Amino acid sequence: MSRRTNKVQRKVRIPSSKRKKSGANKSEKPGEMACGISGCDDFADKHKGGRSLSQENAIDTWGEGAFTVRKNRVRVCKACYKTWKKDSKDESTPYY
């Protein structure tokens, strides 16, 4: 008669220093969607850090007509998004 137990064997984790490096052979995807801000040559793809802003937010930062609108939204690259974020942070009004 064999001794069987109801215990499940615990899975042993491999230390992170011993794991295979997965990022060694990754190729970067090319950009497809151009940034909506005129004068910017970057790409506004999500995998490159691009975001979508409302038309009103873009007007507050870059002014009227300095961008292209797509479905009432403006696609911006990561650098332009950071610019908008810093600009909108300074204009925040306290709530009363």
Protein backbone atom coordinates (compact mmCIF):
# COMPACT_ATOMS: atom_id res chain seq x y z
CA MET A 1 0.00 0.00 0.00
CA SER A 2 1.46 3.34 -1.05
CA ARG A 3 1.18 6.47 0.98
CA ARG A 4 -0.69 9.15 -0.93
CA THR A 5 -1.34 12.57 0.48
CA ASN A 6 -3.76 15.27 -0.50
CA LYS A 7 -1.04 17.92 -0.42
CA VAL A 8 -0.17 19.63 -3.68
CA GLN A 9 3.48 20.11 -4.34
CA ARG A 10 4.48 23.75 -4.25
CA LYS A 11 5.85 25.29 -7.45
CA VAL A 12 9.43 26.48 -7.11
CA ARG A 13 10.12 29.88 -8.64
CA ILE A 14 13.19 30.43 -10.75
CA PRO A 15 15.20 33.45 -9.56
CA SER A 16 14.94 36.46 -11.89
CA SER A 17 18.70 36.46 -12.48
CA LYS A 18 18.51 32.93 -13.93
CA ARG A 19 15.56 33.54 -16.30
CA LYS A 20 16.03 33.97 -20.01
CA LYS A 21 16.14 37.53 -21.27
CA SER A 22 13.09 38.04 -23.49
CA GLY A 23 13.94 41.57 -24.65
CA ALA A 24 17.16 40.60 -26.38
CA ASN A 25 15.71 39.96 -29.82
CA LYS A 26 12.65 42.24 -29.89
CA SER A 27 12.31 44.54 -32.85
CA GLU A 28 10.61 47.88 -32.44
CA LYS A 29 7.36 48.32 -34.35
CA PRO A 30 7.26 51.12 -36.91
CA GLY A 31 4.91 54.03 -36.29
CA GLU A 32 1.75 54.29 -38.35
CA MET A 33 -0.25 57.23 -37.01
CA ALA A 34 1.41 60.64 -37.23
CA CYS A 35 1.15 63.17 -34.42
CA GLY A 36 -1.74 65.60 -34.91
CA ILE A 37 0.26 68.66 -33.86
CA SER A 38 1.60 70.62 -36.80
CA GLY A 39 5.38 70.83 -36.76
CA CYS A 40 5.82 67.54 -34.91
CA ASP A 41 7.24 64.58 -36.84
CA ASP A 42 6.77 61.87 -34.18
CA PHE A 43 4.18 59.09 -34.17
CA ALA A 44 1.08 58.94 -31.96
CA ASP A 45 0.70 55.16 -31.83
CA LYS A 46 -0.32 53.69 -28.48
CA HIS A 47 2.69 51.34 -28.34
CA LYS A 48 4.98 54.36 -28.71
CA GLY A 49 3.31 56.26 -25.85
CA GLY A 50 0.84 58.31 -27.92
CA ARG A 51 -2.44 59.53 -26.48
CA SER A 52 -5.67 61.14 -27.58
CA LEU A 53 -6.72 64.57 -26.36
CA SER A 54 -10.01 66.39 -26.71
CA GLN A 55 -10.24 69.28 -29.15
CA GLU A 56 -10.75 71.78 -26.32
CA ASN A 57 -7.62 70.63 -24.47
CA ALA A 58 -5.55 70.97 -27.66
CA ILE A 59 -6.89 74.48 -28.26
CA ASP A 60 -5.90 75.52 -24.72
CA THR A 61 -2.28 74.44 -25.27
CA TRP A 62 -1.50 74.95 -28.97
CA GLY A 63 -4.18 77.41 -30.10
CA GLU A 64 -6.75 77.24 -32.88
CA GLY A 65 -5.69 75.50 -36.10
CA ALA A 66 -2.29 74.23 -34.94
CA PHE A 67 -3.41 70.59 -35.07
CA THR A 68 -5.49 68.12 -37.07
CA VAL A 69 -8.69 66.71 -35.63
CA ARG A 70 -9.85 63.14 -36.10
CA LYS A 71 -13.28 62.13 -34.73
CA ASN A 72 -13.34 65.18 -32.45
CA ARG A 73 -10.06 64.00 -30.86
CA VAL A 74 -6.43 64.99 -31.46
CA ARG A 75 -3.86 62.19 -31.57
CA VAL A 76 -0.59 63.34 -29.97
CA CYS A 77 2.82 61.74 -29.50
CA LYS A 78 4.43 61.15 -26.12
CA ALA A 79 6.44 64.40 -26.17
CA CYS A 80 3.42 66.54 -27.09
CA TYR A 81 1.34 64.80 -24.43
CA LYS A 82 3.96 65.70 -21.81
CA THR A 83 3.86 69.30 -23.04
CA TRP A 84 0.07 69.38 -22.66
CA LYS A 85 0.27 67.71 -19.24
CA LYS A 86 2.71 70.32 -17.90
CA ASP A 87 0.67 73.16 -19.38
CA SER A 88 -2.64 71.89 -17.97
CA LYS A 89 -1.06 71.26 -14.56
CA ASP A 90 -0.15 74.94 -14.23
CA GLU A 91 -3.67 76.11 -15.12
CA SER A 92 -5.48 73.97 -12.59
CA THR A 93 -8.07 75.90 -10.62
CA PRO A 94 -9.06 75.00 -7.05
CA TYR A 95 -12.53 73.52 -6.57
CA TYR A 96 -14.87 75.40 -4.25
